[in-house]
Structures are given as C-alpha cells and as structure tokens.
Amino acid sequence: MIEILKFELLNKGSLVAKFNVKMHKWGGLVIRECTLFENNGKKWVNLPSKAYESDGKKKYMSYLFYEEKELDDKFKEMIKQAAEEMKEKCGNLGIENNEEIPF
C-alpha cells in the first residue's frame, strides 16, 4: 500500500504539488520531497533529486530509481496514481493552494 503524506498543492507552472510517500509493504519506508507535475496533458512524478549543470543546462539526478526502466516506470506510475487521488480529495474538500493536508 502507498500512502501520501504531507501533500501540499502548489500549482506553480507545471509543478502541481509536493508530498511524501509511505511504502507500507516496505516496512514503512518514507520517501520525502516527491513532486507531481502536469504539462500539456502529461502528468508525472519526480522522486527526490539533485540539480546539476551539464553543457549549460540544468538537469536532475534522481536519488532513487530502479535500474530496469520498465520497473522504474511502474513504480513511479503507482506513486503518481496515489498522488492524483490525493489531489482529487483536496479538490473535493475545498483545500486551497499551499494548504497542507492535515492527514
């Protein structure tokens, strides 16, 4: 089971929200500072990462990932779905931007 914690709506450009993820089946592992993005109808999540510059361009190196791309994509898709569900709950509860969900 994936639980979304400390969900915060931001809606700054393509950045929709930031949140923490708790992986119950993995002994309660918590991944902090995940982000939900949406741009041109495409939605994705980023796990914690470090910014760096390469050839004059800002890039990001993820701290957590599966070496097998298919497994990594599936893992991120599961987190994205849980974050999208939390976003829907926010809308249904009338939570405004920058309000942290109290549960």
C-alpha atoms as a PDB file:
ATOM      1  CA  MET A   1       0.000   0.000   0.000  1.00  0.00           C
ATOM      2  CA  ILE A   2       1.171   3.516  -0.838  1.00  0.00           C
ATOM      3  CA  GLU A   3       0.163   6.363   1.454  1.00  0.00           C
ATOM      4  CA  ILE A   4       0.606  10.027   0.536  1.00  0.00           C
ATOM      5  CA  LEU A   5       1.744  12.202   3.455  1.00  0.00           C
ATOM      6  CA  LYS A   6       2.143  15.977   3.835  1.00  0.00           C
ATOM      7  CA  PHE A   7       0.515  16.710   0.483  1.00  0.00           C
ATOM      8  CA  GLU A   8       0.808  20.379  -0.483  1.00  0.00           C
ATOM      9  CA  LEU A   9      -0.846  21.878  -3.569  1.00  0.00           C
ATOM     10  CA  LEU A  10       1.457  24.407  -5.227  1.00  0.00           C
ATOM     11  CA  ASN A  11       0.239  24.955  -8.820  1.00  0.00           C
ATOM     12  CA  LYS A  12       3.372  26.865  -9.884  1.00  0.00           C
ATOM     13  CA  GLY A  13       3.817  26.398 -13.621  1.00  0.00           C
ATOM     14  CA  SER A  14       3.888  22.664 -14.311  1.00  0.00           C
ATOM     15  CA  LEU A  15       4.543  21.855 -10.624  1.00  0.00           C
ATOM     16  CA  VAL A  16       1.224  20.759  -9.133  1.00  0.00           C
ATOM     17  CA  ALA A  17       2.168  19.532  -5.656  1.00  0.00           C
ATOM     18  CA  LYS A  18       4.852  18.196  -3.358  1.00  0.00           C
ATOM     19  CA  PHE A  19       4.395  15.336  -0.927  1.00  0.00           C
ATOM     20  CA  ASN A  20       5.933  12.433   0.960  1.00  0.00           C
ATOM     21  CA  VAL A  21       5.217   8.773   0.198  1.00  0.00           C
ATOM     22  CA  LYS A  22       4.998   5.968   2.758  1.00  0.00           C
ATOM     23  CA  MET A  23       5.518   2.432   1.469  1.00  0.00           C
ATOM     24  CA  HIS A  24       3.727   0.199   3.993  1.00  0.00           C
ATOM     25  CA  LYS A  25       4.804  -3.094   2.384  1.00  0.00           C
ATOM     26  CA  TRP A  26       8.420  -1.993   2.631  1.00  0.00           C
ATOM     27  CA  GLY A  27       8.407  -1.684   6.414  1.00  0.00           C
ATOM     28  CA  GLY A  28       7.043   1.858   6.423  1.00  0.00           C
ATOM     29  CA  LEU A  29       9.762   3.359   4.200  1.00  0.00           C
ATOM     30  CA  VAL A  30       9.095   7.095   3.720  1.00  0.00           C
ATOM     31  CA  ILE A  31      10.331   8.937   0.630  1.00  0.00           C
ATOM     32  CA  ARG A  32      10.325  12.690   1.234  1.00  0.00           C
ATOM     33  CA  GLU A  33      10.077  15.594  -1.223  1.00  0.00           C
ATOM     34  CA  CYS A  34       8.341  13.891  -4.145  1.00  0.00           C
ATOM     35  CA  THR A  35       6.712  16.176  -6.698  1.00  0.00           C
ATOM     36  CA  LEU A  36       3.725  15.907  -9.034  1.00  0.00           C
ATOM     37  CA  PHE A  37       3.895  17.700 -12.398  1.00  0.00           C
ATOM     38  CA  GLU A  38       1.426  18.325 -15.213  1.00  0.00           C
ATOM     39  CA  ASN A  39       2.136  19.951 -18.573  1.00  0.00           C
ATOM     40  CA  ASN A  40       0.305  19.717 -21.915  1.00  0.00           C
ATOM     41  CA  GLY A  41      -1.940  16.920 -20.659  1.00  0.00           C
ATOM     42  CA  LYS A  42       1.017  14.838 -19.458  1.00  0.00           C
ATOM     43  CA  LYS A  43       1.381  14.010 -15.740  1.00  0.00           C
ATOM     44  CA  TRP A  44       4.424  12.604 -13.941  1.00  0.00           C
ATOM     45  CA  VAL A  45       6.119  12.375 -10.568  1.00  0.00           C
ATOM     46  CA  ASN A  46       9.698  13.035  -9.643  1.00  0.00           C
ATOM     47  CA  LEU A  47      11.381  11.394  -6.703  1.00  0.00           C
ATOM     48  CA  PRO A  48      13.956  13.322  -4.641  1.00  0.00           C
ATOM     49  CA  SER A  49      16.770  14.532  -6.874  1.00  0.00           C
ATOM     50  CA  LYS A  50      19.862  16.683  -7.014  1.00  0.00           C
ATOM     51  CA  ALA A  51      20.184  19.524  -9.516  1.00  0.00           C
ATOM     52  CA  TYR A  52      23.367  19.840 -11.557  1.00  0.00           C
ATOM     53  CA  GLU A  53      24.512  21.651 -14.691  1.00  0.00           C
ATOM     54  CA  SER A  54      25.685  19.954 -17.865  1.00  0.00           C
ATOM     55  CA  ASP A  55      26.572  21.797 -21.060  1.00  0.00           C
ATOM     56  CA  GLY A  56      24.970  24.946 -19.645  1.00  0.00           C
ATOM     57  CA  LYS A  57      21.653  23.198 -18.964  1.00  0.00           C
ATOM     58  CA  LYS A  58      20.084  22.429 -15.601  1.00  0.00           C
ATOM     59  CA  LYS A  59      19.488  18.701 -15.141  1.00  0.00           C
ATOM     60  CA  TYR A  60      18.422  16.478 -12.266  1.00  0.00           C
ATOM     61  CA  MET A  61      19.846  13.240 -10.908  1.00  0.00           C
ATOM     62  CA  SER A  62      17.310  11.106  -9.037  1.00  0.00           C
ATOM     63  CA  TYR A  63      18.488   9.671  -5.725  1.00  0.00           C
ATOM     64  CA  LEU A  64      16.108   6.706  -6.017  1.00  0.00           C
ATOM     65  CA  PHE A  65      15.424   4.604  -9.078  1.00  0.00           C
ATOM     66  CA  TYR A  66      15.204   1.068 -10.376  1.00  0.00           C
ATOM     67  CA  GLU A  67      17.908   0.172 -12.880  1.00  0.00           C
ATOM     68  CA  GLU A  68      15.307  -1.602 -15.024  1.00  0.00           C
ATOM     69  CA  LYS A  69      13.391   1.213 -16.756  1.00  0.00           C
ATOM     70  CA  GLU A  70      10.142  -0.763 -17.015  1.00  0.00           C
ATOM     71  CA  LEU A  71      10.126  -1.406 -13.255  1.00  0.00           C
ATOM     72  CA  ASP A  72      11.081   2.220 -12.526  1.00  0.00           C
ATOM     73  CA  ASP A  73       8.226   3.488 -14.721  1.00  0.00           C
ATOM     74  CA  LYS A  74       5.737   1.142 -12.996  1.00  0.00           C
ATOM     75  CA  PHE A  75       6.908   2.285  -9.532  1.00  0.00           C
ATOM     76  CA  LYS A  76       6.523   5.966 -10.450  1.00  0.00           C
ATOM     77  CA  GLU A  77       3.129   5.299 -12.052  1.00  0.00           C
ATOM     78  CA  MET A  78       1.866   3.783  -8.771  1.00  0.00           C
ATOM     79  CA  ILE A  79       3.056   6.844  -6.853  1.00  0.00           C
ATOM     80  CA  LYS A  80       1.517   9.167  -9.461  1.00  0.00           C
ATOM     81  CA  GLN A  81      -1.861   7.439  -9.161  1.00  0.00           C
ATOM     82  CA  ALA A  82      -1.802   7.785  -5.351  1.00  0.00           C
ATOM     83  CA  ALA A  83      -0.834  11.471  -5.644  1.00  0.00           C
ATOM     84  CA  GLU A  84      -3.592  12.086  -8.200  1.00  0.00           C
ATOM     85  CA  GLU A  85      -6.120  10.517  -5.801  1.00  0.00           C
ATOM     86  CA  MET A  86      -4.909  12.838  -3.039  1.00  0.00           C
ATOM     87  CA  LYS A  87      -5.181  15.820  -5.397  1.00  0.00           C
ATOM     88  CA  GLU A  88      -8.807  14.851  -6.110  1.00  0.00           C
ATOM     89  CA  LYS A  89      -9.518  14.639  -2.361  1.00  0.00           C
ATOM     90  CA  CYS A  90      -8.113  18.160  -1.980  1.00  0.00           C
ATOM     91  CA  GLY A  91     -10.472  19.457  -4.640  1.00  0.00           C
ATOM     92  CA  ASN A  92     -13.437  17.697  -3.056  1.00  0.00           C
ATOM     93  CA  LEU A  93     -12.558  19.111   0.377  1.00  0.00           C
ATOM     94  CA  GLY A  94     -12.094  22.649  -0.967  1.00  0.00           C
ATOM     95  CA  ILE A  95      -8.425  22.767   0.074  1.00  0.00           C
ATOM     96  CA  GLU A  96      -6.718  25.845  -1.381  1.00  0.00           C
ATOM     97  CA  ASN A  97      -3.190  26.105  -2.759  1.00  0.00           C
ATOM     98  CA  ASN A  98      -0.376  25.956  -0.214  1.00  0.00           C
ATOM     99  CA  GLU A  99      -2.594  24.385   2.440  1.00  0.00           C
ATOM    100  CA  GLU A 100      -1.078  21.235   3.844  1.00  0.00           C
ATOM    101  CA  ILE A 101      -3.470  18.307   4.142  1.00  0.00           C
ATOM    102  CA  PRO A 102      -3.804  17.554   7.877  1.00  0.00           C
ATOM    103  CA  PHE A 103      -3.814  13.748   7.498  1.00  0.00           C
END
